[in-house]
């Protein structure tokens, strides 16, 4: 554990940030699974609604540097492609 006051504060801040990041990542994974299960069940309306929710969460994560921009774009693109194929 750190001895200097500012280092102690950084350690606390880093732990809080880590917890938030874990929660955000978990939330994204859960929502992606919901989209994929809606696609599997061939429920196009629900899949489209969930896709907009997941796009928002992934874009927000990319904005907060939780995901790299290209990774976020790739994830959104692949999901959108699957939902579009379902709608046909």
N, C-alpha and C. Protein backbone atom coordinates (compact mmCIF):
# COMPACT_ATOMS: atom_id res chain seq x y z
N UNK A 1 0.84 -1.18 0.00
CA UNK A 1 0.00 0.00 0.00
C UNK A 1 0.89 1.24 0.00
N UNK A 2 0.39 2.28 -0.63
CA UNK A 2 1.15 3.51 -0.77
C UNK A 2 1.26 4.25 0.57
N UNK A 3 2.33 5.04 0.71
CA UNK A 3 2.52 5.84 1.93
C UNK A 3 2.17 7.30 1.71
N UNK A 4 2.39 7.79 0.51
CA UNK A 4 2.15 9.19 0.20
C UNK A 4 0.65 9.42 0.01
N UNK A 5 0.18 10.57 0.51
CA UNK A 5 -1.25 10.87 0.50
C UNK A 5 -1.84 10.83 -0.91
N UNK A 6 -1.17 11.44 -1.86
CA UNK A 6 -1.68 11.48 -3.24
C UNK A 6 -1.70 10.08 -3.86
N UNK A 7 -0.73 9.25 -3.50
CA UNK A 7 -0.68 7.88 -4.02
C UNK A 7 -1.83 7.05 -3.44
N UNK A 8 -2.16 7.30 -2.16
CA UNK A 8 -3.30 6.62 -1.54
C UNK A 8 -4.59 7.00 -2.25
N UNK A 9 -4.71 8.30 -2.55
CA UNK A 9 -5.90 8.79 -3.24
C UNK A 9 -6.01 8.16 -4.63
N UNK A 10 -4.89 8.09 -5.35
CA UNK A 10 -4.89 7.48 -6.69
C UNK A 10 -5.30 6.02 -6.61
N UNK A 11 -4.82 5.32 -5.58
CA UNK A 11 -5.17 3.91 -5.42
C UNK A 11 -6.67 3.75 -5.22
N UNK A 12 -7.26 4.64 -4.42
CA UNK A 12 -8.72 4.58 -4.20
C UNK A 12 -9.48 4.90 -5.48
N UNK A 13 -9.02 5.95 -6.16
CA UNK A 13 -9.66 6.37 -7.41
C UNK A 13 -9.58 5.27 -8.45
N UNK A 14 -8.42 4.64 -8.56
CA UNK A 14 -8.23 3.57 -9.54
C UNK A 14 -9.15 2.40 -9.26
N UNK A 15 -9.34 2.06 -7.98
CA UNK A 15 -10.21 0.95 -7.62
C UNK A 15 -11.67 1.27 -7.96
N UNK A 16 -12.09 2.52 -7.68
CA UNK A 16 -13.46 2.93 -8.03
C UNK A 16 -13.68 2.85 -9.54
N UNK A 17 -12.70 3.35 -10.29
CA UNK A 17 -12.80 3.33 -11.75
C UNK A 17 -12.83 1.90 -12.28
N UNK A 18 -12.00 1.02 -11.67
CA UNK A 18 -11.97 -0.38 -12.09
C UNK A 18 -13.33 -1.03 -11.87
N UNK A 19 -13.96 -0.76 -10.74
CA UNK A 19 -15.28 -1.32 -10.45
C UNK A 19 -16.31 -0.86 -11.47
N UNK A 20 -16.28 0.43 -11.81
CA UNK A 20 -17.22 0.96 -12.81
C UNK A 20 -17.00 0.31 -14.17
N UNK A 21 -15.72 0.14 -14.53
CA UNK A 21 -15.39 -0.47 -15.82
C UNK A 21 -15.86 -1.92 -15.88
N UNK A 22 -15.68 -2.65 -14.78
CA UNK A 22 -16.13 -4.04 -14.72
C UNK A 22 -17.64 -4.10 -14.93
N UNK A 23 -18.35 -3.20 -14.26
CA UNK A 23 -19.81 -3.15 -14.38
C UNK A 23 -20.23 -2.83 -15.81
N UNK A 24 -19.58 -1.83 -16.42
CA UNK A 24 -19.93 -1.44 -17.80
C UNK A 24 -19.68 -2.59 -18.77
N UNK A 25 -18.51 -3.24 -18.64
CA UNK A 25 -18.18 -4.35 -19.53
C UNK A 25 -19.20 -5.48 -19.39
N UNK A 26 -19.54 -5.80 -18.16
CA UNK A 26 -20.50 -6.86 -17.88
C UNK A 26 -21.86 -6.52 -18.47
N UNK A 27 -22.26 -5.27 -18.32
CA UNK A 27 -23.56 -4.81 -18.84
C UNK A 27 -23.61 -4.93 -20.36
N UNK A 28 -22.51 -4.57 -21.02
CA UNK A 28 -22.43 -4.68 -22.48
C UNK A 28 -22.56 -6.14 -22.90
N UNK A 29 -21.82 -7.02 -22.23
CA UNK A 29 -21.85 -8.44 -22.57
C UNK A 29 -23.25 -9.02 -22.41
N UNK A 30 -23.93 -8.63 -21.32
CA UNK A 30 -25.28 -9.12 -21.06
C UNK A 30 -26.23 -8.67 -22.15
N UNK A 31 -26.15 -7.40 -22.53
CA UNK A 31 -27.05 -6.88 -23.56
C UNK A 31 -26.77 -7.52 -24.92
N UNK A 32 -25.49 -7.77 -25.23
CA UNK A 32 -25.14 -8.43 -26.49
C UNK A 32 -25.74 -9.83 -26.51
N UNK A 33 -25.66 -10.53 -25.37
CA UNK A 33 -26.24 -11.87 -25.30
C UNK A 33 -27.75 -11.83 -25.52
N UNK A 34 -28.40 -10.79 -25.00
CA UNK A 34 -29.86 -10.64 -25.20
C UNK A 34 -30.18 -10.46 -26.68
N UNK A 35 -29.37 -9.64 -27.37
CA UNK A 35 -29.57 -9.43 -28.81
C UNK A 35 -29.39 -10.74 -29.56
N UNK A 36 -28.33 -11.46 -29.23
CA UNK A 36 -28.06 -12.73 -29.92
C UNK A 36 -29.16 -13.76 -29.66
N UNK A 37 -29.70 -13.77 -28.44
CA UNK A 37 -30.79 -14.73 -28.17
C UNK A 37 -32.06 -14.32 -28.90
N UNK A 38 -32.30 -13.01 -29.05
CA UNK A 38 -33.46 -12.55 -29.81
C UNK A 38 -33.32 -12.94 -31.28
N UNK A 39 -32.09 -12.86 -31.80
CA UNK A 39 -31.82 -13.26 -33.19
C UNK A 39 -32.04 -14.77 -33.34
N UNK A 40 -31.58 -15.52 -32.35
CA UNK A 40 -31.72 -16.97 -32.38
C UNK A 40 -33.19 -17.38 -32.38
N UNK A 41 -34.01 -16.62 -31.64
CA UNK A 41 -35.44 -16.91 -31.55
C UNK A 41 -36.22 -16.29 -32.71
N UNK A 42 -35.50 -15.63 -33.61
CA UNK A 42 -36.07 -14.99 -34.80
C UNK A 42 -37.11 -13.92 -34.44
N UNK A 43 -36.81 -13.17 -33.38
CA UNK A 43 -37.68 -12.09 -32.93
C UNK A 43 -37.07 -10.77 -33.41
N UNK A 44 -37.44 -10.35 -34.62
CA UNK A 44 -36.81 -9.19 -35.26
C UNK A 44 -37.09 -7.89 -34.52
N UNK A 45 -38.33 -7.69 -34.06
CA UNK A 45 -38.66 -6.43 -33.39
C UNK A 45 -37.85 -6.25 -32.12
N UNK A 46 -37.81 -7.29 -31.31
CA UNK A 46 -37.06 -7.23 -30.06
C UNK A 46 -35.57 -7.06 -30.34
N UNK A 47 -35.06 -7.73 -31.35
CA UNK A 47 -33.64 -7.64 -31.70
C UNK A 47 -33.27 -6.20 -32.11
N UNK A 48 -34.14 -5.56 -32.89
CA UNK A 48 -33.88 -4.18 -33.32
C UNK A 48 -33.85 -3.23 -32.12
N UNK A 49 -34.82 -3.42 -31.21
CA UNK A 49 -34.90 -2.56 -30.03
C UNK A 49 -33.65 -2.74 -29.15
N UNK A 50 -33.27 -3.99 -28.96
CA UNK A 50 -32.08 -4.27 -28.14
C UNK A 50 -30.80 -3.79 -28.82
N UNK A 51 -30.79 -3.83 -30.16
CA UNK A 51 -29.61 -3.39 -30.90
C UNK A 51 -29.34 -1.91 -30.65
N UNK A 52 -30.38 -1.08 -30.65
CA UNK A 52 -30.18 0.35 -30.39
C UNK A 52 -29.63 0.57 -28.99
N UNK A 53 -30.11 -0.23 -28.04
CA UNK A 53 -29.62 -0.14 -26.66
C UNK A 53 -28.14 -0.52 -26.58
N UNK A 54 -27.79 -1.61 -27.25
CA UNK A 54 -26.40 -2.08 -27.22
C UNK A 54 -25.48 -1.11 -27.95
N UNK A 55 -25.94 -0.54 -29.05
CA UNK A 55 -25.13 0.44 -29.78
C UNK A 55 -24.78 1.61 -28.88
N UNK A 56 -25.77 2.08 -28.13
CA UNK A 56 -25.56 3.20 -27.23
C UNK A 56 -24.53 2.86 -26.16
N UNK A 57 -24.67 1.68 -25.56
CA UNK A 57 -23.74 1.27 -24.50
C UNK A 57 -22.32 1.09 -25.02
N UNK A 58 -22.19 0.50 -26.19
CA UNK A 58 -20.86 0.27 -26.77
C UNK A 58 -20.21 1.60 -27.15
N UNK A 59 -21.00 2.51 -27.74
CA UNK A 59 -20.47 3.82 -28.13
C UNK A 59 -20.02 4.60 -26.90
N UNK A 60 -20.80 4.51 -25.83
CA UNK A 60 -20.44 5.20 -24.59
C UNK A 60 -19.15 4.62 -24.02
N UNK A 61 -19.02 3.30 -24.08
CA UNK A 61 -17.80 2.64 -23.58
C UNK A 61 -16.59 3.07 -24.40
N UNK A 62 -16.77 3.22 -25.70
CA UNK A 62 -15.67 3.67 -26.57
C UNK A 62 -15.30 5.11 -26.23
N UNK A 63 -16.29 5.93 -25.95
CA UNK A 63 -16.04 7.32 -25.58
C UNK A 63 -15.28 7.45 -24.28
N UNK A 64 -15.47 6.49 -23.39
CA UNK A 64 -14.78 6.51 -22.10
C UNK A 64 -13.50 5.67 -22.11
N UNK A 65 -13.07 5.30 -23.32
CA UNK A 65 -11.85 4.50 -23.52
C UNK A 65 -11.89 3.15 -22.83
N UNK A 66 -13.07 2.62 -22.65
CA UNK A 66 -13.21 1.28 -22.11
C UNK A 66 -12.97 0.26 -23.22
N UNK A 67 -13.41 0.62 -24.43
CA UNK A 67 -13.15 -0.16 -25.64
C UNK A 67 -12.46 0.76 -26.63
N UNK A 68 -11.61 0.17 -27.48
CA UNK A 68 -11.03 0.97 -28.55
C UNK A 68 -12.11 1.29 -29.57
N UNK A 69 -11.94 2.39 -30.27
CA UNK A 69 -12.95 2.86 -31.23
C UNK A 69 -13.25 1.80 -32.30
N UNK A 70 -12.20 1.21 -32.86
CA UNK A 70 -12.39 0.22 -33.92
C UNK A 70 -13.07 -1.04 -33.40
N UNK A 71 -12.74 -1.42 -32.17
CA UNK A 71 -13.37 -2.60 -31.56
C UNK A 71 -14.86 -2.35 -31.40
N UNK A 72 -15.20 -1.17 -30.90
CA UNK A 72 -16.59 -0.81 -30.70
C UNK A 72 -17.33 -0.82 -32.03
N UNK A 73 -16.73 -0.22 -33.04
CA UNK A 73 -17.33 -0.15 -34.36
C UNK A 73 -17.54 -1.55 -34.93
N UNK A 74 -16.56 -2.42 -34.76
CA UNK A 74 -16.65 -3.79 -35.26
C UNK A 74 -17.77 -4.56 -34.57
N UNK A 75 -17.88 -4.42 -33.26
CA UNK A 75 -18.93 -5.12 -32.51
C UNK A 75 -20.31 -4.65 -32.96
N UNK A 76 -20.48 -3.34 -33.09
CA UNK A 76 -21.76 -2.79 -33.51
C UNK A 76 -22.09 -3.25 -34.93
N UNK A 77 -21.10 -3.19 -35.82
CA UNK A 77 -21.31 -3.58 -37.21
C UNK A 77 -21.72 -5.04 -37.36
N UNK A 78 -21.07 -5.92 -36.62
CA UNK A 78 -21.39 -7.34 -36.71
C UNK A 78 -22.79 -7.64 -36.19
N UNK A 79 -23.16 -6.99 -35.08
CA UNK A 79 -24.50 -7.19 -34.54
C UNK A 79 -25.56 -6.65 -35.50
N UNK A 80 -25.30 -5.46 -36.04
CA UNK A 80 -26.25 -4.83 -36.97
C UNK A 80 -26.44 -5.70 -38.20
N UNK A 81 -25.36 -6.30 -38.67
CA UNK A 81 -25.42 -7.18 -39.84
C UNK A 81 -26.32 -8.38 -39.56
N UNK A 82 -26.19 -8.97 -38.37
CA UNK A 82 -27.02 -10.12 -38.01
C UNK A 82 -28.48 -9.74 -37.89
N UNK A 83 -28.76 -8.59 -37.29
CA UNK A 83 -30.15 -8.14 -37.14
C UNK A 83 -30.74 -7.82 -38.51
N UNK A 84 -29.97 -7.20 -39.39
CA UNK A 84 -30.45 -6.88 -40.74
C UNK A 84 -30.76 -8.16 -41.52
N UNK A 85 -29.93 -9.18 -41.35
CA UNK A 85 -30.16 -10.45 -42.04
C UNK A 85 -31.44 -11.11 -41.54
N UNK A 86 -31.72 -10.92 -40.26
CA UNK A 86 -32.94 -11.48 -39.67
C UNK A 86 -34.17 -10.79 -40.21
N UNK A 87 -34.07 -9.49 -40.45
CA UNK A 87 -35.22 -8.70 -40.91
C UNK A 87 -35.64 -9.06 -42.34
N UNK A 88 -34.73 -9.63 -43.12
CA UNK A 88 -35.03 -9.95 -44.53
C UNK A 88 -36.00 -11.09 -44.66
